[in-house]
Structures are given as C-alpha cells and as structure tokens.
Amino acid sequence: MIFLGLGSCVGGPFNGFLIDKFGLKKAALMILAQTVAACGVLIAFTYTFTWNVYFCSAFTFLWGMQDSGVMNFIYSCCGFEFDSKTAAFSVFHFLHSFFCFAMIFIQAFITTPTAYIVYFSCIGAFAVFAYLLFIFAFELKEDQKVPDFDEITVTPDD
C-alpha cells in the first residue's frame, strides 16, 4: 500500500500539471496511457497468479498514479466545464457511488483468475472507450472560440 500512496503523491501533481499546461483533452491522452498501463499490469499480475514484490510494487504505484490522474481529471471537468457546479458534482458523486456498488456486486460472483482477467479486460476497454468518447465527442469551454477584441462591437445605451 505504500507504493499506492507514492503513486498518488506523484500522480496528483504530475497530472495536475498536465491538465494546467496542456488542457483537459491532451491531458486525457496521458491519463488514458496511465490507465492502460495500470490495467495491463493488473491483468499480467492476475495472469501470472504469483506474488512478486517488484510486480506488486509496480502495479500499486501505477494504479495510484492513474487513480489520482482520474480524480484530477474528473474534478477539473466538474469544476470548470459546467455552469452549475453543484449539479455536476452531485451527478458525479451519485454515479461514482452507484457504480462502485455495482462493480463490487459483480466482483462477488467472480471466483477464478480467468474470470478476473475477463472482468479487468472489460473494465479497461470501457475506460479506453470513455476517454476516447470524451476526447473526440465533447466540446470543452477551452475549445470554444473566444472573439478577438476587434470583433467585439459595443453599442452605447440611450
């Protein structure tokens, strides 16, 4: 668990810097790469089905890094891309709680390593789909054209 915390401590500022420097869409690509790496190591770890301190440390570090990236990403979206902050955060927290319950319920029925590999692969594929949908289908406030000063016309009030 130490490496999970270290990954979160490294990933939070790193991913925050990416979001600030490059914007949400470009940072989403990097966070997507972190998520794919973390899911790949998780699937490999499950496939080998043996405990190794280096493998476990790498997995927990990558998972902590991508987890903090996802949280930075979601909070940046909810905080800056919606006019109503309370609605955006309320919907996020409701859906987050609901899907945590749903995934834990599904995991209760998984009993074999092969079933876990299929489950983790489906979760990873869904994450890739969700990021790509965000990157290519949504228009962000930062992408909208801001008029130049010369294009703004002001009419005096009578």
C-alpha atoms as a PDB file:
ATOM      1  CA  MET A   1       0.000   0.000   0.000  1.00  0.00           C
ATOM      2  CA  ILE A   2       2.991   2.288   0.382  1.00  0.00           C
ATOM      3  CA  PHE A   3       3.507   2.326  -3.376  1.00  0.00           C
ATOM      4  CA  LEU A   4      -0.183   3.100  -3.939  1.00  0.00           C
ATOM      5  CA  GLY A   5       0.259   6.195  -1.789  1.00  0.00           C
ATOM      6  CA  LEU A   6       3.509   7.089  -3.528  1.00  0.00           C
ATOM      7  CA  GLY A   7       1.814   6.736  -6.915  1.00  0.00           C
ATOM      8  CA  SER A   8      -0.975   9.025  -5.749  1.00  0.00           C
ATOM      9  CA  CYS A   9       1.507  11.568  -4.394  1.00  0.00           C
ATOM     10  CA  VAL A  10       3.467  11.575  -7.656  1.00  0.00           C
ATOM     11  CA  GLY A  11       0.443  11.301  -9.948  1.00  0.00           C
ATOM     12  CA  GLY A  12      -1.601  14.095  -8.384  1.00  0.00           C
ATOM     13  CA  PRO A  13       0.852  16.945  -9.020  1.00  0.00           C
ATOM     14  CA  PHE A  14       2.066  15.409 -12.293  1.00  0.00           C
ATOM     15  CA  ASN A  15      -1.410  15.030 -13.760  1.00  0.00           C
ATOM     16  CA  GLY A  16      -2.473  18.402 -12.362  1.00  0.00           C
ATOM     17  CA  PHE A  17       0.482  19.956 -14.167  1.00  0.00           C
ATOM     18  CA  LEU A  18      -0.523  18.187 -17.395  1.00  0.00           C
ATOM     19  CA  ILE A  19      -4.096  19.471 -17.122  1.00  0.00           C
ATOM     20  CA  ASP A  20      -2.932  23.024 -16.385  1.00  0.00           C
ATOM     21  CA  LYS A  21      -0.247  23.071 -19.076  1.00  0.00           C
ATOM     22  CA  PHE A  22      -1.946  21.223 -21.947  1.00  0.00           C
ATOM     23  CA  GLY A  23      -5.686  21.321 -21.197  1.00  0.00           C
ATOM     24  CA  LEU A  24      -8.121  18.532 -20.452  1.00  0.00           C
ATOM     25  CA  LYS A  25      -8.157  16.795 -23.828  1.00  0.00           C
ATOM     26  CA  LYS A  26      -4.390  16.454 -24.201  1.00  0.00           C
ATOM     27  CA  ALA A  27      -4.011  15.504 -20.544  1.00  0.00           C
ATOM     28  CA  ALA A  28      -6.756  12.899 -21.032  1.00  0.00           C
ATOM     29  CA  LEU A  29      -4.485  11.110 -23.512  1.00  0.00           C
ATOM     30  CA  MET A  30      -1.715  10.863 -20.924  1.00  0.00           C
ATOM     31  CA  ILE A  31      -4.123   9.740 -18.201  1.00  0.00           C
ATOM     32  CA  LEU A  32      -5.512   7.194 -20.678  1.00  0.00           C
ATOM     33  CA  ALA A  33      -1.989   5.860 -21.213  1.00  0.00           C
ATOM     34  CA  GLN A  34      -1.544   5.580 -17.433  1.00  0.00           C
ATOM     35  CA  THR A  35      -4.871   3.748 -17.141  1.00  0.00           C
ATOM     36  CA  VAL A  36      -3.942   1.311 -19.922  1.00  0.00           C
ATOM     37  CA  ALA A  37      -0.562   0.681 -18.259  1.00  0.00           C
ATOM     38  CA  ALA A  38      -2.166   0.109 -14.842  1.00  0.00           C
ATOM     39  CA  CYS A  39      -4.827  -2.228 -16.291  1.00  0.00           C
ATOM     40  CA  GLY A  40      -2.170  -4.059 -18.311  1.00  0.00           C
ATOM     41  CA  VAL A  41      -0.029  -4.664 -15.230  1.00  0.00           C
ATOM     42  CA  LEU A  42      -3.151  -5.694 -13.287  1.00  0.00           C
ATOM     43  CA  ILE A  43      -4.070  -8.254 -15.953  1.00  0.00           C
ATOM     44  CA  ALA A  44      -0.477  -9.519 -16.140  1.00  0.00           C
ATOM     45  CA  PHE A  45      -0.358  -9.772 -12.347  1.00  0.00           C
ATOM     46  CA  THR A  46      -3.613 -11.754 -12.349  1.00  0.00           C
ATOM     47  CA  TYR A  47      -2.413 -13.954 -15.231  1.00  0.00           C
ATOM     48  CA  THR A  48       0.823 -14.975 -13.503  1.00  0.00           C
ATOM     49  CA  PHE A  49      -1.105 -15.575 -10.263  1.00  0.00           C
ATOM     50  CA  THR A  50       2.100 -15.449  -8.214  1.00  0.00           C
ATOM     51  CA  TRP A  51       3.151 -12.817  -5.728  1.00  0.00           C
ATOM     52  CA  ASN A  52       6.270 -10.836  -6.515  1.00  0.00           C
ATOM     53  CA  VAL A  53       7.280  -7.758  -4.523  1.00  0.00           C
ATOM     54  CA  TYR A  54       8.515  -5.873  -7.602  1.00  0.00           C
ATOM     55  CA  PHE A  55       5.450  -6.697  -9.692  1.00  0.00           C
ATOM     56  CA  CYS A  56       3.138  -5.785  -6.820  1.00  0.00           C
ATOM     57  CA  SER A  57       5.000  -2.515  -6.176  1.00  0.00           C
ATOM     58  CA  ALA A  58       4.904  -1.523  -9.855  1.00  0.00           C
ATOM     59  CA  PHE A  59       1.200  -2.335 -10.074  1.00  0.00           C
ATOM     60  CA  THR A  60       0.219  -0.397  -6.956  1.00  0.00           C
ATOM     61  CA  PHE A  61       2.377   2.597  -7.956  1.00  0.00           C
ATOM     62  CA  LEU A  62       0.826   2.724 -11.454  1.00  0.00           C
ATOM     63  CA  TRP A  63      -2.651   2.272 -10.029  1.00  0.00           C
ATOM     64  CA  GLY A  64      -2.158   5.104  -7.542  1.00  0.00           C
ATOM     65  CA  MET A  65      -0.789   7.348 -10.275  1.00  0.00           C
ATOM     66  CA  GLN A  66      -3.678   6.740 -12.660  1.00  0.00           C
ATOM     67  CA  ASP A  67      -6.231   6.964  -9.850  1.00  0.00           C
ATOM     68  CA  SER A  68      -5.041  10.420  -8.837  1.00  0.00           C
ATOM     69  CA  GLY A  69      -4.996  11.387 -12.529  1.00  0.00           C
ATOM     70  CA  VAL A  70      -8.598  10.272 -12.934  1.00  0.00           C
ATOM     71  CA  MET A  71      -9.657  12.250  -9.863  1.00  0.00           C
ATOM     72  CA  ASN A  72      -7.819  15.393 -11.060  1.00  0.00           C
ATOM     73  CA  PHE A  73      -9.407  14.959 -14.467  1.00  0.00           C
ATOM     74  CA  ILE A  74     -12.945  14.479 -13.147  1.00  0.00           C
ATOM     75  CA  TYR A  75     -12.729  17.334 -10.642  1.00  0.00           C
ATOM     76  CA  SER A  76     -11.345  19.648 -13.333  1.00  0.00           C
ATOM     77  CA  CYS A  77     -14.218  18.715 -15.653  1.00  0.00           C
ATOM     78  CA  CYS A  78     -16.866  19.149 -12.971  1.00  0.00           C
ATOM     79  CA  GLY A  79     -15.358  22.346 -11.640  1.00  0.00           C
ATOM     80  CA  PHE A  80     -14.596  24.214 -14.858  1.00  0.00           C
ATOM     81  CA  GLU A  81     -16.711  22.818 -17.675  1.00  0.00           C
ATOM     82  CA  PHE A  82     -20.205  23.116 -16.222  1.00  0.00           C
ATOM     83  CA  ASP A  83     -22.141  26.241 -15.336  1.00  0.00           C
ATOM     84  CA  SER A  84     -23.771  24.604 -12.318  1.00  0.00           C
ATOM     85  CA  LYS A  85     -21.073  23.256 -10.021  1.00  0.00           C
ATOM     86  CA  THR A  86     -23.495  21.620  -7.603  1.00  0.00           C
ATOM     87  CA  ALA A  87     -25.278  19.649 -10.327  1.00  0.00           C
ATOM     88  CA  ALA A  88     -22.027  18.422 -11.901  1.00  0.00           C
ATOM     89  CA  PHE A  89     -20.505  17.286  -8.617  1.00  0.00           C
ATOM     90  CA  SER A  90     -23.816  15.823  -7.406  1.00  0.00           C
ATOM     91  CA  VAL A  91     -24.208  13.710 -10.540  1.00  0.00           C
ATOM     92  CA  PHE A  92     -20.569  12.600 -10.326  1.00  0.00           C
ATOM     93  CA  HIS A  93     -20.835  11.532  -6.683  1.00  0.00           C
ATOM     94  CA  PHE A  94     -24.132   9.735  -7.276  1.00  0.00           C
ATOM     95  CA  LEU A  95     -22.792   7.836 -10.304  1.00  0.00           C
ATOM     96  CA  HIS A  96     -19.482   7.122  -8.579  1.00  0.00           C
ATOM     97  CA  SER A  97     -21.259   5.615  -5.569  1.00  0.00           C
ATOM     98  CA  PHE A  98     -23.717   3.669  -7.726  1.00  0.00           C
ATOM     99  CA  PHE A  99     -21.061   2.143  -9.965  1.00  0.00           C
ATOM    100  CA  CYS A 100     -18.795   1.314  -7.016  1.00  0.00           C
ATOM    101  CA  PHE A 101     -21.704  -0.665  -5.576  1.00  0.00           C
ATOM    102  CA  ALA A 102     -22.478  -2.297  -8.941  1.00  0.00           C
ATOM    103  CA  MET A 103     -18.870  -3.314  -9.597  1.00  0.00           C
ATOM    104  CA  ILE A 104     -18.401  -4.710  -6.082  1.00  0.00           C
ATOM    105  CA  PHE A 105     -21.637  -6.664  -6.508  1.00  0.00           C
ATOM    106  CA  ILE A 106     -20.376  -8.120  -9.816  1.00  0.00           C
ATOM    107  CA  GLN A 107     -16.977  -8.916  -8.267  1.00  0.00           C
ATOM    108  CA  ALA A 108     -18.720 -11.012  -5.606  1.00  0.00           C
ATOM    109  CA  PHE A 109     -19.562 -13.568  -8.300  1.00  0.00           C
ATOM    110  CA  ILE A 110     -16.059 -13.788  -9.796  1.00  0.00           C
ATOM    111  CA  THR A 111     -14.191 -16.810  -8.490  1.00  0.00           C
ATOM    112  CA  THR A 112     -11.478 -17.802 -10.993  1.00  0.00           C
ATOM    113  CA  PRO A 113      -8.398 -15.993 -12.270  1.00  0.00           C
ATOM    114  CA  THR A 114      -9.700 -16.300 -15.837  1.00  0.00           C
ATOM    115  CA  ALA A 115     -12.952 -14.611 -14.855  1.00  0.00           C
ATOM    116  CA  TYR A 116     -10.952 -11.807 -13.208  1.00  0.00           C
ATOM    117  CA  ILE A 117      -8.893 -11.353 -16.379  1.00  0.00           C
ATOM    118  CA  VAL A 118     -12.084 -11.061 -18.440  1.00  0.00           C
ATOM    119  CA  TYR A 119     -13.556  -8.638 -15.897  1.00  0.00           C
ATOM    120  CA  PHE A 120     -10.431  -6.454 -15.777  1.00  0.00           C
ATOM    121  CA  SER A 121     -10.215  -6.502 -19.585  1.00  0.00           C
ATOM    122  CA  CYS A 122     -13.817  -5.323 -19.869  1.00  0.00           C
ATOM    123  CA  ILE A 123     -13.214  -2.560 -17.314  1.00  0.00           C
ATOM    124  CA  GLY A 124     -10.066  -1.466 -19.163  1.00  0.00           C
ATOM    125  CA  ALA A 125     -11.873  -1.484 -22.521  1.00  0.00           C
ATOM    126  CA  PHE A 126     -14.680   0.612 -21.040  1.00  0.00           C
ATOM    127  CA  ALA A 127     -12.122   3.111 -19.681  1.00  0.00           C
ATOM    128  CA  VAL A 128     -10.492   3.416 -23.111  1.00  0.00           C
ATOM    129  CA  PHE A 129     -13.909   3.919 -24.729  1.00  0.00           C
ATOM    130  CA  ALA A 130     -14.897   6.561 -22.155  1.00  0.00           C
ATOM    131  CA  TYR A 131     -11.674   8.550 -22.612  1.00  0.00           C
ATOM    132  CA  LEU A 132     -11.868   8.396 -26.395  1.00  0.00           C
ATOM    133  CA  LEU A 133     -15.512   9.471 -26.277  1.00  0.00           C
ATOM    134  CA  PHE A 134     -14.546  12.438 -24.124  1.00  0.00           C
ATOM    135  CA  ILE A 135     -11.618  13.402 -26.354  1.00  0.00           C
ATOM    136  CA  PHE A 136     -13.443  13.203 -29.678  1.00  0.00           C
ATOM    137  CA  ALA A 137     -17.116  13.871 -28.896  1.00  0.00           C
ATOM    138  CA  PHE A 138     -17.223  16.698 -26.370  1.00  0.00           C
ATOM    139  CA  GLU A 139     -16.551  20.361 -26.928  1.00  0.00           C
ATOM    140  CA  LEU A 140     -14.918  21.999 -23.951  1.00  0.00           C
ATOM    141  CA  LYS A 141     -15.000  25.629 -22.927  1.00  0.00           C
ATOM    142  CA  GLU A 142     -11.291  25.862 -23.710  1.00  0.00           C
ATOM    143  CA  ASP A 143     -12.009  24.705 -27.283  1.00  0.00           C
ATOM    144  CA  GLN A 144     -14.668  27.316 -27.962  1.00  0.00           C
ATOM    145  CA  LYS A 145     -13.582  30.305 -29.978  1.00  0.00           C
ATOM    146  CA  VAL A 146     -13.116  33.475 -27.971  1.00  0.00           C
ATOM    147  CA  PRO A 147     -13.730  36.573 -30.107  1.00  0.00           C
ATOM    148  CA  ASP A 148     -10.830  38.921 -30.720  1.00  0.00           C
ATOM    149  CA  PHE A 149     -11.002  42.422 -29.318  1.00  0.00           C
ATOM    150  CA  ASP A 150     -11.576  43.841 -32.826  1.00  0.00           C
ATOM    151  CA  GLU A 151     -14.606  41.580 -33.358  1.00  0.00           C
ATOM    152  CA  ILE A 152     -16.455  42.879 -30.289  1.00  0.00           C
ATOM    153  CA  THR A 153     -18.918  45.630 -31.029  1.00  0.00           C
ATOM    154  CA  VAL A 154     -20.287  47.781 -28.263  1.00  0.00           C
ATOM    155  CA  THR A 155     -23.410  49.840 -28.715  1.00  0.00           C
ATOM    156  CA  PRO A 156     -23.994  52.780 -26.381  1.00  0.00           C
ATOM    157  CA  ASP A 157     -27.110  52.749 -24.262  1.00  0.00           C
ATOM    158  CA  ASP A 158     -29.552  55.611 -24.967  1.00  0.00           C
END
